[in-house]
Amino acid sequence: MFHYTKKTLLLEIVTILAAVVMLMPFYFLISTSLKTQDQVLTTSSLSFPVSPTFENFVTLLSPSSDASSSIFQGLLNSLIITAGTIAALVVIGSPAAYVFARSTSRWSTRTYYLFMIAILLPTQLGVVPLYVEARNLGLVGTPFGMIVVYTGMLIPLSVFLYGGFFRRLPRDYEEAATVDGASRTRIFAQVVFPLMGPATGTVAILAGLIVWNDFFTALIFLNGSGFQTLPVVMYNYVGSLVSQWNLIFAVVIISMVPILAFYFFAQKKFIQGYAGGLKG
């Protein structure tokens, strides 16, 4: 039977305090975005507006606004690049990890360790040669080029996450399909991959967060083009706003909504992925 002790009370208090500390930035973000410029200047940053207004969001998203077209274009570019990268990581990373997990050859193990080393290396180390090669191939300043770049950067992470799941997956399913005469490709596509829902959800969310929020790579490879992602558009727009924090925070919230919505719908797979769950 569960007994409510002083230790339980202390843990609850610590948990509540930790939650309050973590939620404070979101409180400042939301409260400031719902204030007018005069309220930002005359009231405390801790105070919630007495009369919240969505005027900042209307100003940013209205068709007549100069910022509206750039924000929507940046949002569309980010969606295309993020979705394309996630699709490429799933299509390439899952079969690669499956081969590494099921192969017993020495080269397979060594190659897998190379992928693990790539996770530890800072991405910035290879930006200059990567940019030069991408420019020579005509990939700079295009969404397709960014998808190729991000896929190359994140494929070690995808192989690592999928590989852990494949190693824990019993071989009974594959052996049964082999007895029925299924090929290795069909076994992977129709038997193994459908069981990897939690791993796919984890790869999609982690890669989506990294690509969606990335600023440095997008600034280097898309600077001056018409395909700038939302973080780069926000950076350029925020620089022109100077101290209009109500509009700046409204832009930040707009950029957060798509990725938060994606996480909300995929969180079940994400939690299962971290817990190492597999549907039998």
Protein backbone atom coordinates (compact mmCIF):
# COMPACT_ATOMS: atom_id res chain seq x y z
CA MET A 1 0.00 0.00 0.00
CA PHE A 2 1.22 3.50 -0.85
CA HIS A 3 2.09 5.69 2.15
CA TYR A 4 2.31 9.44 1.81
CA THR A 5 5.50 10.32 3.67
CA LYS A 6 7.56 13.43 4.28
CA LYS A 7 9.94 12.25 1.57
CA THR A 8 7.05 12.09 -0.90
CA LEU A 9 5.99 15.61 0.07
CA LEU A 10 9.55 16.89 -0.39
CA LEU A 11 9.78 15.28 -3.84
CA GLU A 12 6.48 16.85 -4.87
CA ILE A 13 7.64 20.29 -3.74
CA VAL A 14 10.95 19.94 -5.61
CA THR A 15 9.09 18.75 -8.72
CA ILE A 16 6.66 21.68 -8.59
CA LEU A 17 9.49 24.19 -8.10
CA ALA A 18 11.42 22.68 -11.00
CA ALA A 19 8.32 22.86 -13.21
CA VAL A 20 7.77 26.53 -12.27
CA VAL A 21 11.39 27.38 -13.11
CA MET A 22 11.14 25.60 -16.48
CA LEU A 23 7.84 27.25 -17.35
CA MET A 24 8.91 30.81 -16.45
CA PRO A 25 10.47 31.53 -19.89
CA PHE A 26 7.21 30.46 -21.55
CA TYR A 27 5.28 32.72 -19.19
CA PHE A 28 7.44 35.73 -20.11
CA LEU A 29 7.14 34.79 -23.79
CA ILE A 30 3.35 34.55 -23.78
CA SER A 31 2.64 37.49 -21.48
CA THR A 32 4.91 39.87 -23.40
CA SER A 33 3.51 38.82 -26.78
CA LEU A 34 0.01 39.71 -25.52
CA LYS A 35 1.00 43.24 -24.49
CA THR A 36 1.04 46.47 -26.46
CA GLN A 37 4.27 48.42 -26.81
CA ASP A 38 3.10 50.90 -24.15
CA GLN A 39 2.35 48.08 -21.71
CA VAL A 40 5.79 46.59 -22.27
CA LEU A 41 7.39 49.93 -21.38
CA THR A 42 5.15 50.84 -18.42
CA THR A 43 4.45 47.51 -16.68
CA SER A 44 6.61 44.91 -14.99
CA SER A 45 7.81 41.96 -17.05
CA LEU A 46 6.34 39.68 -14.36
CA SER A 47 2.84 41.09 -14.71
CA PHE A 48 0.33 39.45 -17.03
CA PRO A 49 -1.57 41.98 -19.19
CA VAL A 50 -4.93 43.00 -17.73
CA SER A 51 -6.38 43.23 -21.23
CA PRO A 52 -4.50 40.69 -23.40
CA THR A 53 -4.42 41.57 -27.07
CA PHE A 54 -3.60 39.58 -30.20
CA GLU A 55 -2.73 42.76 -32.06
CA ASN A 56 0.92 41.73 -32.37
CA PHE A 57 0.01 38.49 -34.14
CA VAL A 58 -2.46 40.31 -36.40
CA THR A 59 0.24 42.85 -37.26
CA LEU A 60 2.71 40.11 -38.17
CA LEU A 61 0.35 37.84 -40.09
CA SER A 62 -1.96 40.29 -41.83
CA PRO A 63 -1.62 40.27 -45.65
CA SER A 64 -0.82 44.00 -45.65
CA SER A 65 2.14 43.53 -43.33
CA ASP A 66 5.65 43.61 -44.76
CA ALA A 67 6.64 40.81 -42.39
CA SER A 68 3.74 38.55 -43.35
CA SER A 69 5.10 37.35 -46.69
CA SER A 70 8.61 36.72 -45.36
CA ILE A 71 7.32 34.84 -42.29
CA PHE A 72 5.02 32.62 -44.34
CA GLN A 73 7.76 32.00 -46.90
CA GLY A 74 10.22 31.13 -44.15
CA LEU A 75 7.63 28.86 -42.57
CA LEU A 76 7.04 27.07 -45.88
CA ASN A 77 10.77 26.68 -46.51
CA SER A 78 11.31 25.25 -43.03
CA LEU A 79 8.45 22.80 -43.49
CA ILE A 80 9.80 21.57 -46.85
CA ILE A 81 13.37 21.19 -45.61
CA THR A 82 12.39 19.58 -42.29
CA ALA A 83 9.92 17.13 -43.85
CA GLY A 84 12.34 16.23 -46.65
CA THR A 85 15.18 15.62 -44.19
CA ILE A 86 13.03 13.44 -41.93
CA ALA A 87 11.86 11.37 -44.91
CA ALA A 88 15.44 10.91 -46.14
CA LEU A 89 16.68 9.91 -42.68
CA VAL A 90 13.95 7.28 -42.34
CA VAL A 91 14.40 5.90 -45.88
CA ILE A 92 18.21 5.76 -45.68
CA GLY A 93 18.87 5.34 -41.96
CA SER A 94 16.50 2.47 -41.19
CA PRO A 95 17.79 -0.05 -43.82
CA ALA A 96 21.40 0.95 -43.11
CA ALA A 97 20.93 0.32 -39.38
CA TYR A 98 19.17 -2.97 -40.13
CA VAL A 99 22.14 -4.18 -42.16
CA PHE A 100 24.57 -3.18 -39.41
CA ALA A 101 22.45 -4.86 -36.73
CA ARG A 102 22.02 -8.15 -38.58
CA SER A 103 25.41 -8.44 -40.24
CA THR A 104 28.15 -10.36 -38.43
CA SER A 105 31.05 -9.29 -40.64
CA ARG A 106 33.96 -7.31 -39.28
CA TRP A 107 33.54 -4.43 -41.73
CA SER A 108 29.96 -3.89 -40.62
CA THR A 109 30.95 -3.42 -36.98
CA ARG A 110 33.78 -1.06 -37.87
CA THR A 111 31.57 1.02 -40.14
CA TYR A 112 28.96 1.27 -37.40
CA TYR A 113 31.61 2.61 -35.01
CA LEU A 114 32.53 5.23 -37.60
CA PHE A 115 28.93 6.41 -37.55
CA MET A 116 29.12 6.66 -33.75
CA ILE A 117 32.28 8.75 -33.96
CA ALA A 118 30.51 11.08 -36.42
CA ILE A 119 27.87 11.82 -33.76
CA LEU A 120 30.56 13.13 -31.40
CA LEU A 121 32.30 15.39 -33.92
CA PRO A 122 31.11 19.04 -34.01
CA THR A 123 29.31 19.86 -37.25
CA GLN A 124 31.14 23.18 -37.53
CA LEU A 125 34.41 21.36 -38.22
CA GLY A 126 33.27 20.38 -41.71
CA VAL A 127 31.27 23.46 -42.70
CA VAL A 128 33.94 25.03 -44.94
CA PRO A 129 34.74 21.96 -47.12
CA LEU A 130 31.06 21.02 -47.11
CA TYR A 131 30.09 24.47 -48.35
CA VAL A 132 32.74 24.44 -51.06
CA GLU A 133 31.64 21.03 -52.33
CA ALA A 134 27.94 21.96 -52.15
CA ARG A 135 28.64 25.12 -54.13
CA ASN A 136 30.49 23.13 -56.79
CA LEU A 137 27.49 20.80 -57.10
CA GLY A 138 25.01 23.68 -57.27
CA LEU A 139 23.34 22.79 -53.96
CA VAL A 140 23.89 26.12 -52.18
CA GLY A 141 20.79 28.29 -51.85
CA THR A 142 18.26 25.54 -52.62
CA PRO A 143 15.90 23.51 -50.38
CA PHE A 144 17.11 20.27 -51.98
CA GLY A 145 20.71 21.17 -51.14
CA MET A 146 19.75 21.80 -47.51
CA ILE A 147 17.97 18.45 -47.34
CA VAL A 148 21.12 16.73 -48.62
CA VAL A 149 23.31 18.61 -46.13
CA TYR A 150 21.07 17.93 -43.13
CA THR A 151 20.67 14.28 -44.12
CA GLY A 152 24.43 13.85 -44.23
CA MET A 153 24.80 15.53 -40.86
CA LEU A 154 22.08 13.55 -39.10
CA ILE A 155 22.36 10.11 -40.71
CA PRO A 156 24.70 8.90 -37.90
CA LEU A 157 22.05 9.81 -35.33
CA SER A 158 19.38 7.99 -37.34
CA VAL A 159 21.53 4.86 -37.69
CA PHE A 160 22.34 4.93 -33.97
CA LEU A 161 18.70 5.17 -32.88
CA TYR A 162 17.43 2.56 -35.33
CA GLY A 163 20.37 0.27 -34.59
CA GLY A 164 19.51 0.09 -30.90
CA PHE A 165 15.97 -1.01 -31.72
CA PHE A 166 16.98 -3.57 -34.31
CA ARG A 167 19.39 -5.21 -31.86
CA ARG A 168 16.58 -5.63 -29.31
CA LEU A 169 14.09 -6.95 -31.85
CA PRO A 170 13.73 -10.76 -31.64
CA ARG A 171 14.60 -12.62 -34.82
CA ASP A 172 11.51 -14.83 -34.55
CA TYR A 173 9.51 -12.57 -36.87
CA GLU A 174 12.20 -12.64 -39.56
CA GLU A 175 12.77 -16.38 -39.29
CA ALA A 176 9.05 -17.05 -39.68
CA ALA A 177 8.91 -14.83 -42.78
CA THR A 178 12.00 -16.56 -44.20
CA VAL A 179 10.32 -19.95 -43.80
CA ASP A 180 7.36 -18.59 -45.78
CA GLY A 181 9.73 -17.71 -48.62
CA ALA A 182 9.90 -13.93 -48.17
CA SER A 183 12.99 -12.11 -49.47
CA ARG A 184 15.21 -10.03 -47.20
CA THR A 185 13.84 -6.80 -48.69
CA ARG A 186 10.25 -7.89 -48.17
CA ILE A 187 11.00 -9.00 -44.61
CA PHE A 188 12.38 -5.57 -43.80
CA ALA A 189 9.59 -3.62 -45.52
CA GLN A 190 6.60 -5.66 -44.35
CA VAL A 191 7.73 -7.26 -41.09
CA VAL A 192 10.59 -5.39 -39.45
CA PHE A 193 9.99 -1.74 -40.36
CA PRO A 194 6.32 -1.64 -39.17
CA LEU A 195 7.58 -2.69 -35.72
CA MET A 196 9.92 0.29 -35.67
CA GLY A 197 7.18 2.86 -35.06
CA PRO A 198 8.69 4.09 -31.76
CA ALA A 199 12.16 4.38 -33.31
CA THR A 200 10.78 6.22 -36.33
CA GLY A 201 8.91 8.62 -34.05
CA THR A 202 12.08 9.29 -32.06
CA VAL A 203 14.15 9.90 -35.20
CA ALA A 204 11.47 12.17 -36.67
CA ILE A 205 11.07 14.32 -33.56
CA LEU A 206 14.77 14.67 -32.72
CA ALA A 207 15.75 15.37 -36.32
CA GLY A 208 12.77 17.68 -36.76
CA LEU A 209 13.74 19.73 -33.71
CA ILE A 210 17.35 19.99 -34.84
CA VAL A 211 16.54 20.99 -38.42
CA TRP A 212 13.65 23.30 -37.55
CA ASN A 213 15.64 25.25 -34.95
CA ASP A 214 18.97 25.25 -36.77
CA PHE A 215 20.22 28.73 -37.53
CA PHE A 216 23.94 28.45 -38.31
CA THR A 217 23.81 25.97 -41.19
CA ALA A 218 20.78 27.63 -42.79
CA LEU A 219 22.44 31.05 -42.55
CA ILE A 220 25.60 29.78 -44.26
CA PHE A 221 23.98 27.78 -47.06
CA LEU A 222 20.86 29.90 -47.73
CA ASN A 223 22.13 33.42 -47.13
CA GLY A 224 20.95 35.78 -49.85
CA SER A 225 18.60 33.27 -51.45
CA GLY A 226 14.81 33.26 -51.55
CA PHE A 227 14.63 30.01 -49.56
CA GLN A 228 15.66 31.20 -46.12
CA THR A 229 14.24 29.18 -43.23
CA LEU A 230 12.15 30.61 -40.42
CA PRO A 231 15.04 31.06 -37.90
CA VAL A 232 16.98 33.11 -40.47
CA VAL A 233 13.88 35.15 -41.34
CA MET A 234 13.30 35.73 -37.62
CA TYR A 235 16.90 36.86 -37.18
CA ASN A 236 16.62 39.39 -40.01
CA TYR A 237 13.22 40.61 -38.81
CA VAL A 238 14.19 40.85 -35.14
CA GLY A 239 17.21 42.94 -36.09
CA SER A 240 14.88 45.52 -37.63
CA LEU A 241 12.56 45.63 -34.61
CA VAL A 242 15.26 46.81 -32.18
CA SER A 243 13.41 46.88 -28.79
CA GLN A 244 9.82 46.01 -29.77
CA TRP A 245 9.79 42.95 -27.55
CA ASN A 246 6.07 42.33 -27.91
CA LEU A 247 6.49 41.79 -31.67
CA ILE A 248 9.74 39.87 -31.23
CA PHE A 249 8.15 37.43 -28.77
CA ALA A 250 5.12 37.06 -31.04
CA VAL A 251 7.45 36.02 -33.89
CA VAL A 252 9.08 33.44 -31.58
CA ILE A 253 5.68 31.96 -30.67
CA ILE A 254 4.70 31.73 -34.35
CA SER A 255 7.89 29.78 -35.04
CA MET A 256 7.22 27.43 -32.10
CA VAL A 257 3.65 26.45 -32.99
CA PRO A 258 4.35 24.01 -35.90
CA ILE A 259 7.05 22.02 -34.09
CA LEU A 260 5.02 21.91 -30.86
CA ALA A 261 2.00 20.65 -32.80
CA PHE A 262 4.17 17.98 -34.43
CA TYR A 263 5.50 16.89 -31.04
CA PHE A 264 1.97 16.83 -29.58
CA PHE A 265 0.79 14.34 -32.20
CA ALA A 266 3.97 12.24 -32.19
CA GLN A 267 4.77 12.29 -28.46
CA LYS A 268 3.44 8.76 -27.88
CA LYS A 269 5.94 7.28 -30.33
CA PHE A 270 8.64 9.54 -28.93
CA ILE A 271 8.08 8.34 -25.36
CA GLN A 272 7.97 4.72 -26.52
CA GLY A 273 11.21 5.30 -28.37
CA TYR A 274 13.01 6.52 -25.29
CA ALA A 275 11.52 3.74 -23.19
CA GLY A 276 12.75 1.21 -25.74
CA GLY A 277 9.26 -0.17 -26.29
CA LEU A 278 8.44 -2.48 -29.17
CA LYS A 279 5.01 -3.69 -30.13
CA GLY A 280 4.89 -7.45 -30.29
